[in-house]
Amino acid sequence: MAEFLNAQNMRHKVVPVRGTPMTDGFSAFGKPVPWHRQTAGLDHCRAMGLTNLEQAAACVGGMSEQIERDQPYEAIAVGMRYLDLIGTYRLLAVLLTATERE
Protein backbone atom coordinates (compact mmCIF):
# COMPACT_ATOMS: atom_id res chain seq x y z
CA MET A 1 0.00 0.00 0.00
CA ALA A 2 2.93 2.35 0.60
CA GLU A 3 3.69 2.63 -3.13
CA PHE A 4 0.36 4.44 -3.63
CA LEU A 5 0.82 7.13 -0.98
CA ASN A 6 1.91 9.79 -3.49
CA ALA A 7 -0.36 8.59 -6.29
CA GLN A 8 -2.46 11.77 -6.05
CA ASN A 9 0.61 13.94 -6.63
CA MET A 10 2.08 11.73 -9.37
CA ARG A 11 -1.06 11.43 -11.46
CA HIS A 12 -0.50 14.44 -13.75
CA LYS A 13 3.26 14.22 -14.30
CA VAL A 14 4.01 13.14 -17.88
CA VAL A 15 7.60 13.34 -19.03
CA PRO A 16 8.48 13.00 -22.73
CA VAL A 17 11.11 10.39 -23.62
CA ARG A 18 14.47 11.79 -24.76
CA GLY A 19 13.11 15.27 -25.32
CA THR A 20 10.69 14.26 -28.10
CA PRO A 21 7.26 15.89 -28.14
CA MET A 22 4.44 13.76 -26.79
CA THR A 23 2.06 12.53 -29.47
CA ASP A 24 -1.54 11.68 -28.74
CA GLY A 25 -1.65 8.06 -29.86
CA PHE A 26 -5.40 7.68 -29.62
CA SER A 27 -5.92 10.29 -32.33
CA ALA A 28 -3.99 8.01 -34.74
CA PHE A 29 -6.76 5.41 -34.76
CA GLY A 30 -8.91 5.54 -37.88
CA LYS A 31 -6.12 7.05 -40.00
CA PRO A 32 -3.49 5.42 -42.22
CA VAL A 33 -0.31 4.39 -40.41
CA PRO A 34 2.61 6.29 -42.03
CA TRP A 35 5.58 4.37 -43.44
CA HIS A 36 7.97 5.76 -40.86
CA ARG A 37 5.84 4.25 -38.08
CA GLN A 38 5.62 0.89 -39.86
CA THR A 39 9.40 0.89 -40.35
CA ALA A 40 9.89 1.73 -36.69
CA GLY A 41 7.50 -1.12 -35.89
CA LEU A 42 9.57 -3.58 -37.91
CA ASP A 43 12.73 -2.41 -36.14
CA HIS A 44 10.96 -2.78 -32.80
CA CYS A 45 9.87 -6.34 -33.67
CA ARG A 46 13.47 -7.25 -34.44
CA ALA A 47 14.62 -5.73 -31.17
CA MET A 48 12.03 -7.81 -29.28
CA GLY A 49 13.25 -11.04 -30.89
CA LEU A 50 10.85 -11.51 -33.80
CA THR A 51 13.67 -12.00 -36.31
CA ASN A 52 11.66 -13.70 -39.09
CA LEU A 53 11.05 -10.80 -41.48
CA GLU A 54 7.95 -12.38 -42.99
CA GLN A 55 6.29 -12.80 -39.59
CA ALA A 56 7.34 -9.32 -38.46
CA ALA A 57 5.94 -7.76 -41.65
CA ALA A 58 2.68 -9.71 -41.26
CA CYS A 59 2.39 -8.56 -37.65
CA VAL A 60 3.07 -4.89 -38.42
CA GLY A 61 0.91 -4.92 -41.56
CA GLY A 62 -2.01 -6.62 -39.84
CA MET A 63 -1.90 -4.33 -36.85
CA SER A 64 -1.59 -1.27 -39.11
CA GLU A 65 -4.63 -2.37 -41.09
CA GLN A 66 -6.72 -2.69 -37.92
CA ILE A 67 -5.48 0.69 -36.65
CA GLU A 68 -6.64 2.25 -39.93
CA ARG A 69 -10.05 0.65 -39.41
CA ASP A 70 -10.22 2.09 -35.87
CA GLN A 71 -10.33 -1.37 -34.29
CA PRO A 72 -7.83 -1.49 -31.42
CA TYR A 73 -8.93 -4.84 -30.01
CA GLU A 74 -8.54 -6.52 -33.38
CA ALA A 75 -5.09 -4.92 -33.72
CA ILE A 76 -4.12 -6.45 -30.38
CA ALA A 77 -5.47 -9.83 -31.52
CA VAL A 78 -3.28 -9.69 -34.63
CA GLY A 79 -0.23 -8.79 -32.56
CA MET A 80 -0.89 -11.63 -30.12
CA ARG A 81 -0.43 -14.14 -32.96
CA TYR A 82 3.26 -13.21 -33.11
CA LEU A 83 4.17 -11.54 -29.79
CA ASP A 84 3.26 -11.77 -26.13
CA LEU A 85 0.92 -9.22 -24.57
CA ILE A 86 3.65 -6.81 -23.46
CA GLY A 87 5.30 -6.95 -26.89
CA THR A 88 1.95 -6.35 -28.57
CA TYR A 89 1.29 -3.25 -26.48
CA ARG A 90 4.83 -2.00 -27.14
CA LEU A 91 4.35 -2.44 -30.89
CA LEU A 92 0.94 -0.78 -30.75
CA ALA A 93 2.49 2.23 -29.02
CA VAL A 94 5.19 2.46 -31.69
CA LEU A 95 2.65 2.24 -34.51
CA LEU A 96 0.58 5.00 -32.92
CA THR A 97 3.25 7.45 -31.79
CA ALA A 98 6.63 6.96 -33.51
CA THR A 99 8.08 10.18 -34.89
CA GLU A 100 10.01 10.56 -38.14
CA ARG A 101 13.76 10.15 -37.91
CA GLU A 102 15.91 12.92 -39.20
C-alpha atoms as a PDB file:
ATOM      1  CA  MET A   1       0.000   0.000   0.000  1.00  0.00           C
ATOM      2  CA  ALA A   2       2.930   2.351   0.598  1.00  0.00           C
ATOM      3  CA  GLU A   3       3.689   2.630  -3.130  1.00  0.00           C
ATOM      4  CA  PHE A   4       0.363   4.439  -3.634  1.00  0.00           C
ATOM      5  CA  LEU A   5       0.818   7.131  -0.981  1.00  0.00           C
ATOM      6  CA  ASN A   6       1.912   9.795  -3.491  1.00  0.00           C
ATOM      7  CA  ALA A   7      -0.355   8.592  -6.291  1.00  0.00           C
ATOM      8  CA  GLN A   8      -2.456  11.768  -6.047  1.00  0.00           C
ATOM      9  CA  ASN A   9       0.614  13.944  -6.633  1.00  0.00           C
ATOM     10  CA  MET A  10       2.079  11.727  -9.369  1.00  0.00           C
ATOM     11  CA  ARG A  11      -1.062  11.432 -11.462  1.00  0.00           C
ATOM     12  CA  HIS A  12      -0.499  14.441 -13.747  1.00  0.00           C
ATOM     13  CA  LYS A  13       3.260  14.216 -14.302  1.00  0.00           C
ATOM     14  CA  VAL A  14       4.010  13.145 -17.881  1.00  0.00           C
ATOM     15  CA  VAL A  15       7.596  13.342 -19.031  1.00  0.00           C
ATOM     16  CA  PRO A  16       8.482  12.999 -22.732  1.00  0.00           C
ATOM     17  CA  VAL A  17      11.106  10.391 -23.615  1.00  0.00           C
ATOM     18  CA  ARG A  18      14.469  11.785 -24.758  1.00  0.00           C
ATOM     19  CA  GLY A  19      13.106  15.273 -25.320  1.00  0.00           C
ATOM     20  CA  THR A  20      10.690  14.265 -28.095  1.00  0.00           C
ATOM     21  CA  PRO A  21       7.263  15.889 -28.142  1.00  0.00           C
ATOM     22  CA  MET A  22       4.439  13.764 -26.790  1.00  0.00           C
ATOM     23  CA  THR A  23       2.060  12.528 -29.470  1.00  0.00           C
ATOM     24  CA  ASP A  24      -1.543  11.677 -28.739  1.00  0.00           C
ATOM     25  CA  GLY A  25      -1.647   8.063 -29.861  1.00  0.00           C
ATOM     26  CA  PHE A  26      -5.404   7.675 -29.625  1.00  0.00           C
ATOM     27  CA  SER A  27      -5.922  10.290 -32.335  1.00  0.00           C
ATOM     28  CA  ALA A  28      -3.987   8.012 -34.737  1.00  0.00           C
ATOM     29  CA  PHE A  29      -6.765   5.410 -34.763  1.00  0.00           C
ATOM     30  CA  GLY A  30      -8.909   5.542 -37.880  1.00  0.00           C
ATOM     31  CA  LYS A  31      -6.122   7.048 -39.995  1.00  0.00           C
ATOM     32  CA  PRO A  32      -3.486   5.424 -42.222  1.00  0.00           C
ATOM     33  CA  VAL A  33      -0.314   4.394 -40.413  1.00  0.00           C
ATOM     34  CA  PRO A  34       2.610   6.289 -42.029  1.00  0.00           C
ATOM     35  CA  TRP A  35       5.575   4.368 -43.436  1.00  0.00           C
ATOM     36  CA  HIS A  36       7.975   5.759 -40.859  1.00  0.00           C
ATOM     37  CA  ARG A  37       5.844   4.252 -38.083  1.00  0.00           C
ATOM     38  CA  GLN A  38       5.623   0.895 -39.856  1.00  0.00           C
ATOM     39  CA  THR A  39       9.397   0.894 -40.355  1.00  0.00           C
ATOM     40  CA  ALA A  40       9.888   1.731 -36.693  1.00  0.00           C
ATOM     41  CA  GLY A  41       7.497  -1.124 -35.889  1.00  0.00           C
ATOM     42  CA  LEU A  42       9.574  -3.580 -37.913  1.00  0.00           C
ATOM     43  CA  ASP A  43      12.733  -2.408 -36.140  1.00  0.00           C
ATOM     44  CA  HIS A  44      10.959  -2.783 -32.804  1.00  0.00           C
ATOM     45  CA  CYS A  45       9.865  -6.339 -33.673  1.00  0.00           C
ATOM     46  CA  ARG A  46      13.467  -7.254 -34.437  1.00  0.00           C
ATOM     47  CA  ALA A  47      14.618  -5.727 -31.165  1.00  0.00           C
ATOM     48  CA  MET A  48      12.034  -7.806 -29.276  1.00  0.00           C
ATOM     49  CA  GLY A  49      13.249 -11.036 -30.891  1.00  0.00           C
ATOM     50  CA  LEU A  50      10.852 -11.513 -33.803  1.00  0.00           C
ATOM     51  CA  THR A  51      13.667 -12.005 -36.306  1.00  0.00           C
ATOM     52  CA  ASN A  52      11.665 -13.699 -39.089  1.00  0.00           C
ATOM     53  CA  LEU A  53      11.054 -10.798 -41.483  1.00  0.00           C
ATOM     54  CA  GLU A  54       7.952 -12.385 -42.994  1.00  0.00           C
ATOM     55  CA  GLN A  55       6.289 -12.802 -39.594  1.00  0.00           C
ATOM     56  CA  ALA A  56       7.343  -9.315 -38.459  1.00  0.00           C
ATOM     57  CA  ALA A  57       5.936  -7.765 -41.646  1.00  0.00           C
ATOM     58  CA  ALA A  58       2.684  -9.708 -41.261  1.00  0.00           C
ATOM     59  CA  CYS A  59       2.394  -8.558 -37.649  1.00  0.00           C
ATOM     60  CA  VAL A  60       3.066  -4.885 -38.424  1.00  0.00           C
ATOM     61  CA  GLY A  61       0.910  -4.924 -41.563  1.00  0.00           C
ATOM     62  CA  GLY A  62      -2.010  -6.620 -39.839  1.00  0.00           C
ATOM     63  CA  MET A  63      -1.897  -4.325 -36.848  1.00  0.00           C
ATOM     64  CA  SER A  64      -1.589  -1.267 -39.107  1.00  0.00           C
ATOM     65  CA  GLU A  65      -4.627  -2.373 -41.090  1.00  0.00           C
ATOM     66  CA  GLN A  66      -6.718  -2.690 -37.920  1.00  0.00           C
ATOM     67  CA  ILE A  67      -5.483   0.690 -36.648  1.00  0.00           C
ATOM     68  CA  GLU A  68      -6.636   2.254 -39.930  1.00  0.00           C
ATOM     69  CA  ARG A  69     -10.047   0.645 -39.407  1.00  0.00           C
ATOM     70  CA  ASP A  70     -10.221   2.091 -35.872  1.00  0.00           C
ATOM     71  CA  GLN A  71     -10.335  -1.368 -34.287  1.00  0.00           C
ATOM     72  CA  PRO A  72      -7.825  -1.487 -31.415  1.00  0.00           C
ATOM     73  CA  TYR A  73      -8.935  -4.844 -30.009  1.00  0.00           C
ATOM     74  CA  GLU A  74      -8.543  -6.516 -33.383  1.00  0.00           C
ATOM     75  CA  ALA A  75      -5.085  -4.921 -33.721  1.00  0.00           C
ATOM     76  CA  ILE A  76      -4.121  -6.446 -30.382  1.00  0.00           C
ATOM     77  CA  ALA A  77      -5.474  -9.827 -31.517  1.00  0.00           C
ATOM     78  CA  VAL A  78      -3.279  -9.689 -34.629  1.00  0.00           C
ATOM     79  CA  GLY A  79      -0.230  -8.792 -32.556  1.00  0.00           C
ATOM     80  CA  MET A  80      -0.894 -11.629 -30.124  1.00  0.00           C
ATOM     81  CA  ARG A  81      -0.433 -14.139 -32.962  1.00  0.00           C
ATOM     82  CA  TYR A  82       3.259 -13.214 -33.106  1.00  0.00           C
ATOM     83  CA  LEU A  83       4.165 -11.535 -29.792  1.00  0.00           C
ATOM     84  CA  ASP A  84       3.261 -11.773 -26.131  1.00  0.00           C
ATOM     85  CA  LEU A  85       0.919  -9.219 -24.568  1.00  0.00           C
ATOM     86  CA  ILE A  86       3.650  -6.811 -23.463  1.00  0.00           C
ATOM     87  CA  GLY A  87       5.303  -6.946 -26.889  1.00  0.00           C
ATOM     88  CA  THR A  88       1.954  -6.349 -28.570  1.00  0.00           C
ATOM     89  CA  TYR A  89       1.293  -3.255 -26.479  1.00  0.00           C
ATOM     90  CA  ARG A  90       4.827  -2.001 -27.144  1.00  0.00           C
ATOM     91  CA  LEU A  91       4.354  -2.439 -30.889  1.00  0.00           C
ATOM     92  CA  LEU A  92       0.936  -0.780 -30.751  1.00  0.00           C
ATOM     93  CA  ALA A  93       2.490   2.228 -29.020  1.00  0.00           C
ATOM     94  CA  VAL A  94       5.193   2.460 -31.687  1.00  0.00           C
ATOM     95  CA  LEU A  95       2.654   2.245 -34.513  1.00  0.00           C
ATOM     96  CA  LEU A  96       0.577   5.004 -32.923  1.00  0.00           C
ATOM     97  CA  THR A  97       3.247   7.450 -31.786  1.00  0.00           C
ATOM     98  CA  ALA A  98       6.633   6.958 -33.512  1.00  0.00           C
ATOM     99  CA  THR A  99       8.085  10.176 -34.891  1.00  0.00           C
ATOM    100  CA  GLU A 100      10.010  10.558 -38.137  1.00  0.00           C
ATOM    101  CA  ARG A 101      13.757  10.146 -37.910  1.00  0.00           C
ATOM    102  CA  GLU A 102      15.910  12.924 -39.203  1.00  0.00           C
END
